[in-house]
Amino acid sequence: MSVFHFRDFSIIQDQSPLKVGTDALLLGATVQITSNNPRILDVGTGTGVIALILASRFENATIEALEPNHLAFNEAQSNFHASNYKSRLTIHQVRVENFETQQKFDLVVSNPPYFIDDLKSDNLGLNEAKHLSKDAFNQFLQASLHLLSPEGLLWLILPKEIALKTIEDLAHNGIFLQQKVRFHSNSQKLDARWVLAFSRSEAELHEKSFFIRNNDGTFHQDYIQHVGFLHAKKL
Protein backbone atom coordinates (compact mmCIF):
# COMPACT_ATOMS: atom_id res chain seq x y z
CA MET A 1 0.00 0.00 0.00
CA SER A 2 1.29 3.45 -0.94
CA VAL A 3 0.84 5.82 2.00
CA PHE A 4 2.13 9.37 2.51
CA HIS A 5 2.28 10.30 6.19
CA PHE A 6 1.79 13.87 7.33
CA ARG A 7 2.10 15.15 10.87
CA ASP A 8 -1.66 15.08 11.51
CA PHE A 9 -3.06 12.63 8.93
CA SER A 10 -2.09 10.08 6.28
CA ILE A 11 -2.90 9.77 2.58
CA ILE A 12 -3.53 6.42 0.92
CA GLN A 13 -2.71 6.85 -2.77
CA ASP A 14 -2.80 3.43 -4.43
CA GLN A 15 -5.39 4.19 -7.10
CA SER A 16 -5.40 7.94 -7.69
CA PRO A 17 -3.65 8.94 -10.97
CA LEU A 18 -1.77 11.76 -9.22
CA LYS A 19 0.17 11.05 -6.04
CA VAL A 20 1.02 13.52 -3.28
CA GLY A 21 3.49 16.06 -4.63
CA THR A 22 5.25 19.22 -3.62
CA ASP A 23 2.69 21.43 -5.39
CA ALA A 24 -0.09 20.31 -3.04
CA LEU A 25 2.04 21.01 0.02
CA LEU A 26 3.07 24.44 -1.25
CA LEU A 27 -0.52 25.46 -1.94
CA GLY A 28 -1.91 23.96 1.25
CA ALA A 29 0.71 25.71 3.39
CA THR A 30 0.32 29.08 1.66
CA VAL A 31 -3.47 29.57 1.60
CA GLN A 32 -4.70 32.17 4.06
CA ILE A 33 -8.25 32.36 5.38
CA THR A 34 -10.45 35.43 5.03
CA SER A 35 -13.07 34.75 7.73
CA ASN A 36 -13.38 33.13 11.15
CA ASN A 37 -15.50 30.23 9.89
CA PRO A 38 -14.48 29.87 6.25
CA ARG A 39 -16.33 27.80 3.70
CA ILE A 40 -13.70 26.29 1.41
CA LEU A 41 -14.05 24.46 -1.89
CA ASP A 42 -11.17 22.28 -3.12
CA VAL A 43 -11.55 21.76 -6.89
CA GLY A 44 -9.95 18.58 -8.19
CA THR A 45 -9.01 17.23 -4.78
CA GLY A 46 -7.30 14.05 -6.06
CA THR A 47 -6.31 12.06 -2.97
CA GLY A 48 -7.82 14.80 -0.78
CA VAL A 49 -4.44 16.07 0.36
CA ILE A 50 -5.07 19.83 0.00
CA ALA A 51 -8.48 19.61 1.68
CA LEU A 52 -6.92 17.69 4.56
CA ILE A 53 -4.05 20.17 4.91
CA LEU A 54 -6.53 23.03 5.12
CA ALA A 55 -8.72 21.15 7.59
CA SER A 56 -5.66 20.56 9.78
CA ARG A 57 -4.62 24.22 9.59
CA PHE A 58 -8.01 25.88 10.07
CA GLU A 59 -10.04 24.20 12.79
CA ASN A 60 -13.19 26.22 12.08
CA ALA A 61 -13.17 25.62 8.32
CA THR A 62 -15.85 23.62 6.55
CA ILE A 63 -14.45 22.10 3.38
CA GLU A 64 -16.12 20.59 0.32
CA ALA A 65 -14.07 18.82 -2.31
CA LEU A 66 -14.78 17.98 -5.95
CA GLU A 67 -13.18 15.07 -7.81
CA PRO A 68 -14.52 13.59 -11.09
CA ASN A 69 -12.15 10.61 -11.31
CA HIS A 70 -13.84 7.67 -9.56
CA LEU A 71 -10.60 6.08 -8.34
CA ALA A 72 -9.33 9.32 -6.83
CA PHE A 73 -12.80 10.07 -5.45
CA ASN A 74 -12.92 6.75 -3.61
CA GLU A 75 -9.45 7.24 -2.13
CA ALA A 76 -10.12 10.81 -1.08
CA GLN A 77 -13.36 9.75 0.56
CA SER A 78 -11.50 7.02 2.49
CA ASN A 79 -8.77 9.48 3.47
CA PHE A 80 -11.36 11.96 4.73
CA HIS A 81 -13.17 9.31 6.78
CA ALA A 82 -9.91 8.10 8.33
CA SER A 83 -8.93 11.60 9.49
CA ASN A 84 -9.80 13.55 12.62
CA TYR A 85 -11.54 16.14 10.43
CA LYS A 86 -14.17 13.94 8.77
CA SER A 87 -17.07 15.92 10.28
CA ARG A 88 -15.90 19.04 8.41
CA LEU A 89 -15.11 17.39 5.07
CA THR A 90 -17.49 16.53 2.22
CA ILE A 91 -16.63 15.21 -1.23
CA HIS A 92 -18.63 15.15 -4.47
CA GLN A 93 -17.82 13.08 -7.56
CA VAL A 94 -18.35 15.81 -10.14
CA ARG A 95 -16.52 18.35 -12.28
CA VAL A 96 -16.66 21.92 -11.05
CA GLU A 97 -18.49 22.91 -14.25
CA ASN A 98 -21.34 20.55 -13.31
CA PHE A 99 -21.38 21.17 -9.56
CA GLU A 100 -24.79 22.46 -8.48
CA THR A 101 -25.13 24.28 -5.17
CA GLN A 102 -26.71 27.43 -3.81
CA GLN A 103 -23.75 27.95 -1.51
CA LYS A 104 -20.94 30.38 -2.20
CA PHE A 105 -17.47 29.81 -0.81
CA ASP A 106 -15.06 32.14 0.98
CA LEU A 107 -12.13 30.33 -0.63
CA VAL A 108 -11.90 28.23 -3.75
CA VAL A 109 -8.55 26.42 -4.00
CA SER A 110 -7.13 24.25 -6.75
CA ASN A 111 -3.99 22.58 -8.01
CA PRO A 112 -5.46 22.35 -11.51
CA PRO A 113 -4.30 20.49 -14.61
CA TYR A 114 -1.72 22.89 -16.04
CA PHE A 115 -0.55 21.28 -19.28
CA ILE A 116 -2.66 23.40 -21.62
CA ASP A 117 -3.07 21.94 -25.14
CA ASP A 118 0.13 19.97 -24.56
CA LEU A 119 1.28 16.48 -25.54
CA LYS A 120 -0.43 13.71 -23.58
CA SER A 121 0.65 10.32 -22.31
CA ASP A 122 -1.03 6.93 -22.83
CA ASN A 123 -2.34 6.99 -19.25
CA LEU A 124 -5.94 8.23 -19.46
CA GLY A 125 -6.23 8.93 -15.74
CA LEU A 126 -3.02 10.93 -15.72
CA ASN A 127 -4.15 12.86 -18.79
CA GLU A 128 -7.37 13.80 -17.03
CA ALA A 129 -5.47 14.94 -13.94
CA LYS A 130 -2.72 16.94 -15.67
CA HIS A 131 -3.94 18.04 -19.12
CA LEU A 132 -6.62 20.50 -20.28
CA SER A 133 -7.47 22.29 -23.47
CA LYS A 134 -7.36 26.08 -23.34
CA ASP A 135 -11.17 26.22 -23.49
CA ALA A 136 -11.50 23.66 -20.70
CA PHE A 137 -9.05 25.61 -18.51
CA ASN A 138 -11.08 28.80 -19.05
CA GLN A 139 -14.28 26.91 -18.21
CA PHE A 140 -12.65 25.65 -15.01
CA LEU A 141 -11.71 29.22 -14.04
CA GLN A 142 -15.16 30.63 -14.76
CA ALA A 143 -16.94 27.82 -12.90
CA SER A 144 -14.64 28.25 -9.90
CA LEU A 145 -15.23 32.00 -9.83
CA HIS A 146 -18.99 31.45 -10.09
CA LEU A 147 -18.87 29.54 -6.79
CA LEU A 148 -16.85 32.24 -5.03
CA SER A 149 -18.50 34.67 -2.62
CA PRO A 150 -18.27 38.38 -3.52
CA GLU A 151 -15.41 38.92 -1.05
CA GLY A 152 -13.85 35.50 -1.55
CA LEU A 153 -10.43 34.48 -2.86
CA LEU A 154 -9.51 32.03 -5.60
CA TRP A 155 -6.19 30.30 -4.79
CA LEU A 156 -4.23 28.49 -7.51
CA ILE A 157 -0.78 26.97 -7.97
CA LEU A 158 0.57 27.16 -11.52
CA PRO A 159 3.81 27.17 -13.52
CA LYS A 160 5.08 30.68 -14.27
CA GLU A 161 4.02 30.76 -17.94
CA ILE A 162 0.45 29.61 -17.24
CA ALA A 163 0.30 31.90 -14.20
CA LEU A 164 1.21 34.98 -16.25
CA LYS A 165 -1.45 34.19 -18.85
CA THR A 166 -4.05 33.50 -16.17
CA ILE A 167 -3.30 36.81 -14.41
CA GLU A 168 -3.68 38.67 -17.70
CA ASP A 169 -6.89 36.91 -18.73
CA LEU A 170 -8.60 37.31 -15.36
CA ALA A 171 -7.63 40.98 -15.13
CA HIS A 172 -9.47 41.57 -18.41
CA ASN A 173 -12.55 40.12 -16.71
CA GLY A 174 -12.34 42.23 -13.55
CA ILE A 175 -10.63 39.61 -11.39
CA PHE A 176 -7.56 41.00 -9.66
CA LEU A 177 -4.40 39.42 -8.30
CA GLN A 178 -4.02 40.03 -4.57
CA GLN A 179 -1.20 37.68 -3.62
CA LYS A 180 1.70 36.16 -5.54
CA VAL A 181 4.12 33.73 -3.92
CA ARG A 182 7.02 32.59 -6.10
CA PHE A 183 8.57 29.23 -5.28
CA HIS A 184 12.04 28.53 -6.66
CA SER A 185 13.34 24.96 -6.99
CA ASN A 186 16.80 26.27 -6.04
CA SER A 187 19.03 29.23 -6.85
CA GLN A 188 19.67 27.82 -10.33
CA LYS A 189 16.02 27.04 -11.14
CA LEU A 190 13.81 30.01 -10.39
CA ASP A 191 10.02 30.29 -10.54
CA ALA A 192 9.14 26.61 -10.50
CA ARG A 193 5.63 27.40 -9.26
CA TRP A 194 3.57 30.46 -8.40
CA VAL A 195 0.81 30.42 -5.81
CA LEU A 196 -1.75 33.10 -6.67
CA ALA A 197 -4.78 34.55 -4.90
CA PHE A 198 -7.42 36.37 -6.95
CA SER A 199 -10.30 38.59 -5.85
CA ARG A 200 -13.09 40.63 -7.42
CA SER A 201 -11.81 43.61 -5.44
CA GLU A 202 -8.75 45.52 -6.55
CA ALA A 203 -6.21 45.83 -3.74
CA GLU A 204 -2.52 46.21 -3.10
CA LEU A 205 -0.58 43.22 -4.41
CA HIS A 206 1.43 41.30 -1.81
CA GLU A 207 4.42 39.35 -3.09
CA LYS A 208 6.79 36.86 -1.49
CA SER A 209 9.32 34.31 -2.69
CA PHE A 210 10.69 31.09 -1.22
CA PHE A 211 13.33 28.53 -2.12
CA ILE A 212 12.34 24.87 -1.94
CA ARG A 213 15.79 23.26 -1.94
CA ASN A 214 19.43 24.15 -1.68
CA ASN A 215 21.70 23.42 -4.65
CA ASP A 216 22.85 20.19 -2.98
CA GLY A 217 19.28 18.85 -2.94
CA THR A 218 18.57 19.35 0.76
CA PHE A 219 15.53 21.34 1.81
CA HIS A 220 16.10 25.09 2.00
CA GLN A 221 15.36 26.85 5.27
CA ASP A 222 12.56 28.72 3.48
CA TYR A 223 10.76 25.44 2.79
CA ILE A 224 11.40 24.10 6.27
CA GLN A 225 9.89 27.20 7.87
CA HIS A 226 6.97 27.48 5.44
CA VAL A 227 5.99 23.84 4.86
CA GLY A 228 8.01 21.73 7.28
CA PHE A 229 5.26 21.66 9.93
CA LEU A 230 3.15 19.46 7.64
CA HIS A 231 5.68 16.65 7.44
CA ALA A 232 5.53 13.66 9.76
CA LYS A 233 9.29 13.77 10.30
CA LYS A 234 11.34 16.80 11.19
CA LEU A 235 13.16 18.12 8.11
C-alpha atoms as a PDB file:
ATOM      1  CA  MET A   1       0.000   0.000   0.000  1.00  0.00           C
ATOM      2  CA  SER A   2       1.290   3.446  -0.940  1.00  0.00           C
ATOM      3  CA  VAL A   3       0.838   5.823   1.999  1.00  0.00           C
ATOM      4  CA  PHE A   4       2.132   9.368   2.512  1.00  0.00           C
ATOM      5  CA  HIS A   5       2.284  10.295   6.187  1.00  0.00           C
ATOM      6  CA  PHE A   6       1.786  13.868   7.326  1.00  0.00           C
ATOM      7  CA  ARG A   7       2.097  15.153  10.871  1.00  0.00           C
ATOM      8  CA  ASP A   8      -1.661  15.081  11.512  1.00  0.00           C
ATOM      9  CA  PHE A   9      -3.056  12.630   8.928  1.00  0.00           C
ATOM     10  CA  SER A  10      -2.088  10.080   6.282  1.00  0.00           C
ATOM     11  CA  ILE A  11      -2.900   9.768   2.583  1.00  0.00           C
ATOM     12  CA  ILE A  12      -3.527   6.419   0.916  1.00  0.00           C
ATOM     13  CA  GLN A  13      -2.709   6.850  -2.771  1.00  0.00           C
ATOM     14  CA  ASP A  14      -2.797   3.431  -4.429  1.00  0.00           C
ATOM     15  CA  GLN A  15      -5.390   4.189  -7.098  1.00  0.00           C
ATOM     16  CA  SER A  16      -5.396   7.940  -7.689  1.00  0.00           C
ATOM     17  CA  PRO A  17      -3.653   8.942 -10.968  1.00  0.00           C
ATOM     18  CA  LEU A  18      -1.774  11.760  -9.216  1.00  0.00           C
ATOM     19  CA  LYS A  19       0.173  11.053  -6.040  1.00  0.00           C
ATOM     20  CA  VAL A  20       1.022  13.523  -3.278  1.00  0.00           C
ATOM     21  CA  GLY A  21       3.488  16.061  -4.629  1.00  0.00           C
ATOM     22  CA  THR A  22       5.254  19.223  -3.616  1.00  0.00           C
ATOM     23  CA  ASP A  23       2.685  21.429  -5.389  1.00  0.00           C
ATOM     24  CA  ALA A  24      -0.092  20.308  -3.043  1.00  0.00           C
ATOM     25  CA  LEU A  25       2.045  21.010   0.020  1.00  0.00           C
ATOM     26  CA  LEU A  26       3.071  24.436  -1.247  1.00  0.00           C
ATOM     27  CA  LEU A  27      -0.523  25.460  -1.944  1.00  0.00           C
ATOM     28  CA  GLY A  28      -1.907  23.961   1.251  1.00  0.00           C
ATOM     29  CA  ALA A  29       0.705  25.706   3.393  1.00  0.00           C
ATOM     30  CA  THR A  30       0.316  29.079   1.662  1.00  0.00           C
ATOM     31  CA  VAL A  31      -3.474  29.573   1.600  1.00  0.00           C
ATOM     32  CA  GLN A  32      -4.703  32.170   4.058  1.00  0.00           C
ATOM     33  CA  ILE A  33      -8.253  32.356   5.376  1.00  0.00           C
ATOM     34  CA  THR A  34     -10.451  35.426   5.030  1.00  0.00           C
ATOM     35  CA  SER A  35     -13.073  34.755   7.729  1.00  0.00           C
ATOM     36  CA  ASN A  36     -13.379  33.130  11.151  1.00  0.00           C
ATOM     37  CA  ASN A  37     -15.498  30.225   9.888  1.00  0.00           C
ATOM     38  CA  PRO A  38     -14.479  29.869   6.254  1.00  0.00           C
ATOM     39  CA  ARG A  39     -16.333  27.799   3.696  1.00  0.00           C
ATOM     40  CA  ILE A  40     -13.699  26.293   1.412  1.00  0.00           C
ATOM     41  CA  LEU A  41     -14.049  24.460  -1.894  1.00  0.00           C
ATOM     42  CA  ASP A  42     -11.173  22.278  -3.123  1.00  0.00           C
ATOM     43  CA  VAL A  43     -11.551  21.761  -6.885  1.00  0.00           C
ATOM     44  CA  GLY A  44      -9.949  18.576  -8.185  1.00  0.00           C
ATOM     45  CA  THR A  45      -9.006  17.226  -4.783  1.00  0.00           C
ATOM     46  CA  GLY A  46      -7.302  14.049  -6.056  1.00  0.00           C
ATOM     47  CA  THR A  47      -6.306  12.065  -2.970  1.00  0.00           C
ATOM     48  CA  GLY A  48      -7.817  14.798  -0.780  1.00  0.00           C
ATOM     49  CA  VAL A  49      -4.445  16.073   0.365  1.00  0.00           C
ATOM     50  CA  ILE A  50      -5.072  19.831  -0.003  1.00  0.00           C
ATOM     51  CA  ALA A  51      -8.479  19.615   1.679  1.00  0.00           C
ATOM     52  CA  LEU A  52      -6.920  17.693   4.563  1.00  0.00           C
ATOM     53  CA  ILE A  53      -4.050  20.166   4.912  1.00  0.00           C
ATOM     54  CA  LEU A  54      -6.530  23.029   5.120  1.00  0.00           C
ATOM     55  CA  ALA A  55      -8.720  21.145   7.593  1.00  0.00           C
ATOM     56  CA  SER A  56      -5.658  20.559   9.782  1.00  0.00           C
ATOM     57  CA  ARG A  57      -4.615  24.218   9.590  1.00  0.00           C
ATOM     58  CA  PHE A  58      -8.005  25.878  10.068  1.00  0.00           C
ATOM     59  CA  GLU A  59     -10.041  24.197  12.794  1.00  0.00           C
ATOM     60  CA  ASN A  60     -13.193  26.220  12.075  1.00  0.00           C
ATOM     61  CA  ALA A  61     -13.172  25.625   8.320  1.00  0.00           C
ATOM     62  CA  THR A  62     -15.854  23.620   6.547  1.00  0.00           C
ATOM     63  CA  ILE A  63     -14.454  22.098   3.377  1.00  0.00           C
ATOM     64  CA  GLU A  64     -16.123  20.595   0.324  1.00  0.00           C
ATOM     65  CA  ALA A  65     -14.068  18.815  -2.313  1.00  0.00           C
ATOM     66  CA  LEU A  66     -14.777  17.979  -5.946  1.00  0.00           C
ATOM     67  CA  GLU A  67     -13.178  15.068  -7.807  1.00  0.00           C
ATOM     68  CA  PRO A  68     -14.516  13.594 -11.095  1.00  0.00           C
ATOM     69  CA  ASN A  69     -12.153  10.605 -11.308  1.00  0.00           C
ATOM     70  CA  HIS A  70     -13.845   7.665  -9.564  1.00  0.00           C
ATOM     71  CA  LEU A  71     -10.597   6.082  -8.338  1.00  0.00           C
ATOM     72  CA  ALA A  72      -9.331   9.320  -6.833  1.00  0.00           C
ATOM     73  CA  PHE A  73     -12.800  10.075  -5.449  1.00  0.00           C
ATOM     74  CA  ASN A  74     -12.923   6.751  -3.608  1.00  0.00           C
ATOM     75  CA  GLU A  75      -9.448   7.236  -2.129  1.00  0.00           C
ATOM     76  CA  ALA A  76     -10.125  10.815  -1.083  1.00  0.00           C
ATOM     77  CA  GLN A  77     -13.362   9.746   0.564  1.00  0.00           C
ATOM     78  CA  SER A  78     -11.499   7.025   2.486  1.00  0.00           C
ATOM     79  CA  ASN A  79      -8.766   9.477   3.472  1.00  0.00           C
ATOM     80  CA  PHE A  80     -11.360  11.957   4.726  1.00  0.00           C
ATOM     81  CA  HIS A  81     -13.175   9.309   6.781  1.00  0.00           C
ATOM     82  CA  ALA A  82      -9.905   8.105   8.327  1.00  0.00           C
ATOM     83  CA  SER A  83      -8.927  11.600   9.492  1.00  0.00           C
ATOM     84  CA  ASN A  84      -9.796  13.552  12.621  1.00  0.00           C
ATOM     85  CA  TYR A  85     -11.537  16.141  10.427  1.00  0.00           C
ATOM     86  CA  LYS A  86     -14.166  13.944   8.769  1.00  0.00           C
ATOM     87  CA  SER A  87     -17.073  15.917  10.277  1.00  0.00           C
ATOM     88  CA  ARG A  88     -15.903  19.041   8.409  1.00  0.00           C
ATOM     89  CA  LEU A  89     -15.113  17.393   5.067  1.00  0.00           C
ATOM     90  CA  THR A  90     -17.491  16.532   2.220  1.00  0.00           C
ATOM     91  CA  ILE A  91     -16.631  15.214  -1.233  1.00  0.00           C
ATOM     92  CA  HIS A  92     -18.627  15.153  -4.472  1.00  0.00           C
ATOM     93  CA  GLN A  93     -17.817  13.083  -7.556  1.00  0.00           C
ATOM     94  CA  VAL A  94     -18.345  15.812 -10.137  1.00  0.00           C
ATOM     95  CA  ARG A  95     -16.516  18.347 -12.278  1.00  0.00           C
ATOM     96  CA  VAL A  96     -16.656  21.916 -11.051  1.00  0.00           C
ATOM     97  CA  GLU A  97     -18.492  22.913 -14.248  1.00  0.00           C
ATOM     98  CA  ASN A  98     -21.335  20.552 -13.307  1.00  0.00           C
ATOM     99  CA  PHE A  99     -21.385  21.169  -9.555  1.00  0.00           C
ATOM    100  CA  GLU A 100     -24.789  22.455  -8.479  1.00  0.00           C
ATOM    101  CA  THR A 101     -25.126  24.278  -5.173  1.00  0.00           C
ATOM    102  CA  GLN A 102     -26.715  27.434  -3.814  1.00  0.00           C
ATOM    103  CA  GLN A 103     -23.751  27.946  -1.513  1.00  0.00           C
ATOM    104  CA  LYS A 104     -20.937  30.382  -2.204  1.00  0.00           C
ATOM    105  CA  PHE A 105     -17.470  29.810  -0.808  1.00  0.00           C
ATOM    106  CA  ASP A 106     -15.059  32.137   0.980  1.00  0.00           C
ATOM    107  CA  LEU A 107     -12.131  30.331  -0.629  1.00  0.00           C
ATOM    108  CA  VAL A 108     -11.898  28.231  -3.748  1.00  0.00           C
ATOM    109  CA  VAL A 109      -8.554  26.419  -3.998  1.00  0.00           C
ATOM    110  CA  SER A 110      -7.131  24.253  -6.747  1.00  0.00           C
ATOM    111  CA  ASN A 111      -3.992  22.580  -8.006  1.00  0.00           C
ATOM    112  CA  PRO A 112      -5.463  22.352 -11.511  1.00  0.00           C
ATOM    113  CA  PRO A 113      -4.296  20.490 -14.614  1.00  0.00           C
ATOM    114  CA  TYR A 114      -1.720  22.892 -16.041  1.00  0.00           C
ATOM    115  CA  PHE A 115      -0.549  21.282 -19.277  1.00  0.00           C
ATOM    116  CA  ILE A 116      -2.664  23.398 -21.615  1.00  0.00           C
ATOM    117  CA  ASP A 117      -3.074  21.940 -25.145  1.00  0.00           C
ATOM    118  CA  ASP A 118       0.131  19.971 -24.560  1.00  0.00           C
ATOM    119  CA  LEU A 119       1.276  16.484 -25.535  1.00  0.00           C
ATOM    120  CA  LYS A 120      -0.429  13.714 -23.581  1.00  0.00           C
ATOM    121  CA  SER A 121       0.649  10.318 -22.307  1.00  0.00           C
ATOM    122  CA  ASP A 122      -1.030   6.934 -22.832  1.00  0.00           C
ATOM    123  CA  ASN A 123      -2.336   6.993 -19.251  1.00  0.00           C
ATOM    124  CA  LEU A 124      -5.944   8.230 -19.458  1.00  0.00           C
ATOM    125  CA  GLY A 125      -6.233   8.925 -15.737  1.00  0.00           C
ATOM    126  CA  LEU A 126      -3.017  10.929 -15.725  1.00  0.00           C
ATOM    127  CA  ASN A 127      -4.153  12.861 -18.793  1.00  0.00           C
ATOM    128  CA  GLU A 128      -7.373  13.796 -17.025  1.00  0.00           C
ATOM    129  CA  ALA A 129      -5.472  14.938 -13.942  1.00  0.00           C
ATOM    130  CA  LYS A 130      -2.724  16.943 -15.671  1.00  0.00           C
ATOM    131  CA  HIS A 131      -3.935  18.042 -19.121  1.00  0.00           C
ATOM    132  CA  LEU A 132      -6.616  20.496 -20.277  1.00  0.00           C
ATOM    133  CA  SER A 133      -7.470  22.287 -23.466  1.00  0.00           C
ATOM    134  CA  LYS A 134      -7.359  26.081 -23.339  1.00  0.00           C
ATOM    135  CA  ASP A 135     -11.167  26.222 -23.494  1.00  0.00           C
ATOM    136  CA  ALA A 136     -11.499  23.663 -20.700  1.00  0.00           C
ATOM    137  CA  PHE A 137      -9.054  25.609 -18.507  1.00  0.00           C
ATOM    138  CA  ASN A 138     -11.081  28.796 -19.049  1.00  0.00           C
ATOM    139  CA  GLN A 139     -14.283  26.911 -18.213  1.00  0.00           C
ATOM    140  CA  PHE A 140     -12.654  25.646 -15.011  1.00  0.00           C
ATOM    141  CA  LEU A 141     -11.709  29.222 -14.042  1.00  0.00           C
ATOM    142  CA  GLN A 142     -15.164  30.627 -14.757  1.00  0.00           C
ATOM    143  CA  ALA A 143     -16.937  27.818 -12.902  1.00  0.00           C
ATOM    144  CA  SER A 144     -14.638  28.253  -9.900  1.00  0.00           C
ATOM    145  CA  LEU A 145     -15.227  32.004  -9.828  1.00  0.00           C
ATOM    146  CA  HIS A 146     -18.991  31.452 -10.085  1.00  0.00           C
ATOM    147  CA  LEU A 147     -18.871  29.535  -6.794  1.00  0.00           C
ATOM    148  CA  LEU A 148     -16.850  32.240  -5.033  1.00  0.00           C
ATOM    149  CA  SER A 149     -18.504  34.666  -2.619  1.00  0.00           C
ATOM    150  CA  PRO A 150     -18.269  38.383  -3.515  1.00  0.00           C
ATOM    151  CA  GLU A 151     -15.411  38.917  -1.048  1.00  0.00           C
ATOM    152  CA  GLY A 152     -13.848  35.505  -1.555  1.00  0.00           C
ATOM    153  CA  LEU A 153     -10.425  34.484  -2.864  1.00  0.00           C
ATOM    154  CA  LEU A 154      -9.507  32.025  -5.597  1.00  0.00           C
ATOM    155  CA  TRP A 155      -6.190  30.303  -4.785  1.00  0.00           C
ATOM    156  CA  LEU A 156      -4.230  28.486  -7.513  1.00  0.00           C
ATOM    157  CA  ILE A 157      -0.775  26.975  -7.973  1.00  0.00           C
ATOM    158  CA  LEU A 158       0.573  27.161 -11.524  1.00  0.00           C
ATOM    159  CA  PRO A 159       3.808  27.167 -13.521  1.00  0.00           C
ATOM    160  CA  LYS A 160       5.077  30.677 -14.267  1.00  0.00           C
ATOM    161  CA  GLU A 161       4.018  30.763 -17.940  1.00  0.00           C
ATOM    162  CA  ILE A 162       0.452  29.610 -17.239  1.00  0.00           C
ATOM    163  CA  ALA A 163       0.300  31.900 -14.202  1.00  0.00           C
ATOM    164  CA  LEU A 164       1.206  34.976 -16.249  1.00  0.00           C
ATOM    165  CA  LYS A 165      -1.452  34.190 -18.854  1.00  0.00           C
ATOM    166  CA  THR A 166      -4.047  33.505 -16.167  1.00  0.00           C
ATOM    167  CA  ILE A 167      -3.296  36.808 -14.409  1.00  0.00           C
ATOM    168  CA  GLU A 168      -3.684  38.666 -17.699  1.00  0.00           C
ATOM    169  CA  ASP A 169      -6.889  36.908 -18.731  1.00  0.00           C
ATOM    170  CA  LEU A 170      -8.596  37.308 -15.358  1.00  0.00           C
ATOM    171  CA  ALA A 171      -7.632  40.985 -15.130  1.00  0.00           C
ATOM    172  CA  HIS A 172      -9.475  41.566 -18.409  1.00  0.00           C
ATOM    173  CA  ASN A 173     -12.552  40.122 -16.709  1.00  0.00           C
ATOM    174  CA  GLY A 174     -12.339  42.233 -13.555  1.00  0.00           C
ATOM    175  CA  ILE A 175     -10.627  39.613 -11.393  1.00  0.00           C
ATOM    176  CA  PHE A 176      -7.561  41.005  -9.657  1.00  0.00           C
ATOM    177  CA  LEU A 177      -4.399  39.421  -8.304  1.00  0.00           C
ATOM    178  CA  GLN A 178      -4.015  40.034  -4.567  1.00  0.00           C
ATOM    179  CA  GLN A 179      -1.197  37.684  -3.623  1.00  0.00           C
ATOM    180  CA  LYS A 180       1.699  36.157  -5.545  1.00  0.00           C
ATOM    181  CA  VAL A 181       4.115  33.734  -3.919  1.00  0.00           C
ATOM    182  CA  ARG A 182       7.018  32.592  -6.102  1.00  0.00           C
ATOM    183  CA  PHE A 183       8.570  29.225  -5.278  1.00  0.00           C
ATOM    184  CA  HIS A 184      12.040  28.529  -6.659  1.00  0.00           C
ATOM    185  CA  SER A 185      13.340  24.964  -6.993  1.00  0.00           C
ATOM    186  CA  ASN A 186      16.795  26.273  -6.043  1.00  0.00           C
ATOM    187  CA  SER A 187      19.030  29.234  -6.855  1.00  0.00           C
ATOM    188  CA  GLN A 188      19.673  27.822 -10.332  1.00  0.00           C
ATOM    189  CA  LYS A 189      16.023  27.041 -11.141  1.00  0.00           C
ATOM    190  CA  LEU A 190      13.805  30.006 -10.394  1.00  0.00           C
ATOM    191  CA  ASP A 191      10.024  30.288 -10.537  1.00  0.00           C
ATOM    192  CA  ALA A 192       9.144  26.613 -10.499  1.00  0.00           C
ATOM    193  CA  ARG A 193       5.631  27.404  -9.259  1.00  0.00           C
ATOM    194  CA  TRP A 194       3.572  30.464  -8.399  1.00  0.00           C
ATOM    195  CA  VAL A 195       0.806  30.424  -5.806  1.00  0.00           C
ATOM    196  CA  LEU A 196      -1.748  33.095  -6.669  1.00  0.00           C
ATOM    197  CA  ALA A 197      -4.776  34.549  -4.897  1.00  0.00           C
ATOM    198  CA  PHE A 198      -7.419  36.370  -6.946  1.00  0.00           C
ATOM    199  CA  SER A 199     -10.299  38.587  -5.851  1.00  0.00           C
ATOM    200  CA  ARG A 200     -13.086  40.630  -7.421  1.00  0.00           C
ATOM    201  CA  SER A 201     -11.812  43.605  -5.437  1.00  0.00           C
ATOM    202  CA  GLU A 202      -8.747  45.524  -6.551  1.00  0.00           C
ATOM    203  CA  ALA A 203      -6.215  45.834  -3.736  1.00  0.00           C
ATOM    204  CA  GLU A 204      -2.520  46.213  -3.105  1.00  0.00           C
ATOM    205  CA  LEU A 205      -0.581  43.221  -4.412  1.00  0.00           C
ATOM    206  CA  HIS A 206       1.427  41.299  -1.808  1.00  0.00           C
ATOM    207  CA  GLU A 207       4.424  39.347  -3.094  1.00  0.00           C
ATOM    208  CA  LYS A 208       6.795  36.855  -1.486  1.00  0.00           C
ATOM    209  CA  SER A 209       9.316  34.306  -2.694  1.00  0.00           C
ATOM    210  CA  PHE A 210      10.689  31.092  -1.222  1.00  0.00           C
ATOM    211  CA  PHE A 211      13.331  28.531  -2.123  1.00  0.00           C
ATOM    212  CA  ILE A 212      12.345  24.868  -1.943  1.00  0.00           C
ATOM    213  CA  ARG A 213      15.791  23.260  -1.945  1.00  0.00           C
ATOM    214  CA  ASN A 214      19.434  24.147  -1.684  1.00  0.00           C
ATOM    215  CA  ASN A 215      21.695  23.419  -4.650  1.00  0.00           C
ATOM    216  CA  ASP A 216      22.845  20.187  -2.980  1.00  0.00           C
ATOM    217  CA  GLY A 217      19.280  18.854  -2.942  1.00  0.00           C
ATOM    218  CA  THR A 218      18.567  19.346   0.756  1.00  0.00           C
ATOM    219  CA  PHE A 219      15.525  21.337   1.808  1.00  0.00           C
ATOM    220  CA  HIS A 220      16.099  25.086   2.000  1.00  0.00           C
ATOM    221  CA  GLN A 221      15.364  26.847   5.269  1.00  0.00           C
ATOM    222  CA  ASP A 222      12.559  28.724   3.476  1.00  0.00           C
ATOM    223  CA  TYR A 223      10.763  25.442   2.788  1.00  0.00           C
ATOM    224  CA  ILE A 224      11.401  24.100   6.274  1.00  0.00           C
ATOM    225  CA  GLN A 225       9.894  27.204   7.873  1.00  0.00           C
ATOM    226  CA  HIS A 226       6.972  27.482   5.442  1.00  0.00           C
ATOM    227  CA  VAL A 227       5.987  23.840   4.856  1.00  0.00           C
ATOM    228  CA  GLY A 228       8.011  21.727   7.282  1.00  0.00           C
ATOM    229  CA  PHE A 229       5.262  21.663   9.927  1.00  0.00           C
ATOM    230  CA  LEU A 230       3.145  19.459   7.641  1.00  0.00           C
ATOM    231  CA  HIS A 231       5.684  16.645   7.436  1.00  0.00           C
ATOM    232  CA  ALA A 232       5.535  13.657   9.757  1.00  0.00           C
ATOM    233  CA  LYS A 233       9.293  13.766  10.301  1.00  0.00           C
ATOM    234  CA  LYS A 234      11.343  16.805  11.188  1.00  0.00           C
ATOM    235  CA  LEU A 235      13.158  18.122   8.115  1.00  0.00           C
END
